[in-house]
N, C-alpha and C. Protein backbone atom coordinates (compact mmCIF):
# COMPACT_ATOMS: atom_id res chain seq x y z
N UNK A 1 67.95 123.33 -187.38
CA UNK A 1 68.08 122.63 -186.43
C UNK A 1 67.70 121.39 -186.63
N UNK A 2 68.06 119.94 -186.05
CA UNK A 2 68.01 118.69 -186.90
C UNK A 2 67.21 117.84 -185.76
N UNK A 3 65.75 116.70 -186.09
CA UNK A 3 65.32 116.19 -184.97
C UNK A 3 66.21 114.67 -185.16
N UNK A 4 67.17 114.09 -185.59
CA UNK A 4 68.04 113.11 -186.09
C UNK A 4 68.62 112.39 -184.92
N UNK A 5 68.49 111.97 -184.04
CA UNK A 5 68.70 110.87 -183.28
C UNK A 5 70.41 110.10 -183.78
N UNK A 6 70.94 109.91 -182.95
CA UNK A 6 72.32 108.23 -182.54
C UNK A 6 72.04 107.51 -181.85
N UNK A 7 71.14 107.62 -181.49
CA UNK A 7 70.20 106.65 -180.28
C UNK A 7 69.09 105.54 -181.70
N UNK A 8 70.05 104.29 -180.99
CA UNK A 8 69.27 103.82 -181.70
C UNK A 8 67.60 103.32 -181.13
N UNK A 9 66.79 102.59 -181.87
CA UNK A 9 65.12 102.63 -181.58
C UNK A 9 65.22 101.50 -180.93
N UNK A 10 64.51 100.91 -179.87
CA UNK A 10 64.13 99.54 -179.81
C UNK A 10 62.63 99.63 -179.46
N UNK A 11 61.86 98.87 -181.04
CA UNK A 11 60.43 98.32 -179.40
C UNK A 11 60.18 97.46 -179.65
N UNK A 12 58.74 96.93 -178.42
CA UNK A 12 58.23 95.50 -178.35
C UNK A 12 57.10 95.75 -178.48
N UNK A 13 56.91 94.43 -178.81
CA UNK A 13 54.66 94.42 -178.31
C UNK A 13 54.94 92.98 -177.91
N UNK A 14 53.54 92.36 -177.65
CA UNK A 14 53.35 91.42 -176.94
C UNK A 14 51.88 90.86 -177.71
N UNK A 15 51.81 89.56 -177.36
CA UNK A 15 50.82 89.23 -177.47
C UNK A 15 50.48 88.22 -177.58
N UNK A 16 49.17 87.24 -176.93
CA UNK A 16 48.92 85.97 -175.60
C UNK A 16 47.83 85.91 -177.21
N UNK A 17 48.15 83.82 -177.04
CA UNK A 17 47.23 83.16 -177.64
C UNK A 17 47.00 81.93 -177.37
N UNK A 18 45.92 81.82 -177.60
CA UNK A 18 46.17 80.70 -176.84
C UNK A 18 45.99 79.31 -178.04
N UNK A 19 47.09 79.20 -178.60
CA UNK A 19 47.20 78.15 -179.43
C UNK A 19 48.12 77.26 -178.65
N UNK A 20 48.00 75.77 -180.56
CA UNK A 20 49.29 75.15 -180.03
C UNK A 20 51.09 75.69 -180.60
N UNK A 21 51.45 75.27 -180.21
CA UNK A 21 53.04 75.20 -180.36
C UNK A 21 52.97 75.34 -181.82
N UNK A 22 52.72 74.38 -182.85
CA UNK A 22 52.53 74.18 -184.33
C UNK A 22 52.52 75.58 -185.04
N UNK A 23 50.85 76.00 -184.32
CA UNK A 23 50.45 77.23 -184.78
C UNK A 23 50.70 78.45 -184.53
N UNK A 24 51.93 78.64 -183.16
CA UNK A 24 52.64 79.34 -183.13
C UNK A 24 53.83 79.57 -184.46
N UNK A 25 53.90 78.73 -184.02
CA UNK A 25 55.21 78.34 -185.98
C UNK A 25 54.97 78.98 -186.63
N UNK A 26 54.05 78.15 -187.06
CA UNK A 26 53.57 78.82 -188.20
C UNK A 26 53.65 80.06 -189.02
N UNK A 27 52.67 80.42 -187.54
CA UNK A 27 52.80 81.63 -187.79
C UNK A 27 54.17 82.41 -188.30
N UNK A 28 54.91 81.89 -188.18
CA UNK A 28 56.71 82.88 -187.80
C UNK A 28 57.13 82.59 -189.30
N UNK A 29 56.82 81.49 -189.34
CA UNK A 29 57.26 80.78 -190.65
C UNK A 29 56.88 80.86 -192.73
N UNK A 30 55.00 81.00 -192.06
CA UNK A 30 54.97 81.54 -193.80
C UNK A 30 55.16 82.60 -193.45
N UNK A 31 54.80 82.77 -195.25
CA UNK A 31 54.89 84.54 -194.78
C UNK A 31 53.41 85.19 -195.31
N UNK A 32 52.21 84.38 -195.71
CA UNK A 32 51.24 84.78 -195.86
C UNK A 32 50.41 84.64 -194.34
N UNK A 33 50.64 84.12 -194.04
CA UNK A 33 50.38 83.61 -192.22
C UNK A 33 50.92 84.81 -191.83
N UNK A 34 52.45 85.27 -191.61
CA UNK A 34 52.85 86.06 -190.70
C UNK A 34 52.69 87.62 -191.36
N UNK A 35 52.48 88.40 -192.30
CA UNK A 35 51.42 89.07 -192.77
C UNK A 35 50.34 89.46 -192.50
N UNK A 36 49.86 88.54 -191.87
CA UNK A 36 47.89 88.55 -191.90
C UNK A 36 47.70 88.94 -190.00
N UNK A 37 48.96 89.20 -189.47
CA UNK A 37 48.64 89.26 -188.15
C UNK A 37 49.77 89.96 -186.86
N UNK A 38 50.80 89.78 -188.01
CA UNK A 38 51.83 90.95 -187.69
C UNK A 38 51.31 92.59 -187.51
N UNK A 39 51.14 93.07 -188.49
CA UNK A 39 51.02 94.64 -188.72
C UNK A 39 50.11 94.84 -188.03
N UNK A 40 49.99 96.40 -187.50
CA UNK A 40 49.00 96.77 -186.28
C UNK A 40 47.61 96.59 -186.98
N UNK A 41 46.65 97.24 -186.23
CA UNK A 41 45.69 96.63 -186.87
C UNK A 41 45.12 97.38 -187.82
N UNK A 42 44.49 97.53 -188.68
CA UNK A 42 44.04 98.78 -189.84
C UNK A 42 44.79 99.03 -190.83
N UNK A 43 46.62 97.94 -190.68
CA UNK A 43 47.55 98.02 -191.61
C UNK A 43 47.09 96.65 -191.70
N UNK A 44 48.42 96.59 -193.76
CA UNK A 44 48.70 95.75 -194.49
C UNK A 44 50.19 95.60 -194.05
N UNK A 45 50.40 94.45 -194.41
CA UNK A 45 51.92 94.40 -194.91
C UNK A 45 52.73 93.63 -195.72
N UNK A 46 53.78 93.83 -196.42
CA UNK A 46 53.74 93.28 -197.61
C UNK A 46 55.31 92.35 -197.48
N UNK A 47 55.93 91.87 -197.30
CA UNK A 47 56.98 91.09 -197.14
C UNK A 47 57.97 91.33 -198.32
N UNK A 48 59.05 91.96 -198.27
CA UNK A 48 59.63 92.21 -199.18
C UNK A 48 61.10 91.25 -199.24
N UNK A 49 60.76 90.30 -198.13
CA UNK A 49 62.33 89.89 -198.11
C UNK A 49 61.84 88.83 -196.82
N UNK A 50 62.59 87.05 -197.37
CA UNK A 50 61.55 85.91 -196.03
C UNK A 50 62.40 85.19 -196.27
N UNK A 51 63.48 85.11 -194.33
CA UNK A 51 64.71 83.46 -194.84
C UNK A 51 64.09 82.99 -193.39
N UNK A 52 64.24 81.38 -193.76
CA UNK A 52 63.52 81.06 -192.39
C UNK A 52 64.23 80.42 -191.69
N UNK A 53 65.53 80.24 -192.69
CA UNK A 53 67.21 79.20 -192.28
C UNK A 53 67.98 80.00 -191.23
N UNK A 54 67.98 79.52 -190.19
CA UNK A 54 68.14 79.83 -189.13
C UNK A 54 69.95 80.96 -189.24
N UNK A 55 69.56 82.03 -188.57
CA UNK A 55 70.33 83.44 -188.70
C UNK A 55 69.95 84.11 -189.78
N UNK A 56 68.23 83.15 -190.75
CA UNK A 56 67.74 84.51 -191.88
C UNK A 56 67.25 85.64 -190.94
N UNK A 57 66.68 86.06 -191.60
CA UNK A 57 65.83 87.11 -191.51
C UNK A 57 64.78 87.69 -192.75
N UNK A 58 63.80 88.26 -191.77
CA UNK A 58 62.78 89.36 -192.71
C UNK A 58 62.63 90.67 -193.05
N UNK A 59 62.00 90.88 -193.36
CA UNK A 59 61.96 92.37 -193.90
C UNK A 59 60.64 92.74 -194.65
N UNK A 60 59.07 93.17 -193.90
CA UNK A 60 58.12 93.99 -194.27
C UNK A 60 58.28 95.36 -194.52
């Protein structure tokens, strides 16, 4: 028996922040800022790929 599924996994999360648009933008385009807030509480993140260009991607 196998637990493998062909269904795509969809995850979502949200966060409310009283911050300026410039601060929010920096939180997404600065790798150090991103790993400071994106991982769940009590977890750490490490960025192995980070491309902030239009159409780019990141991998934590």
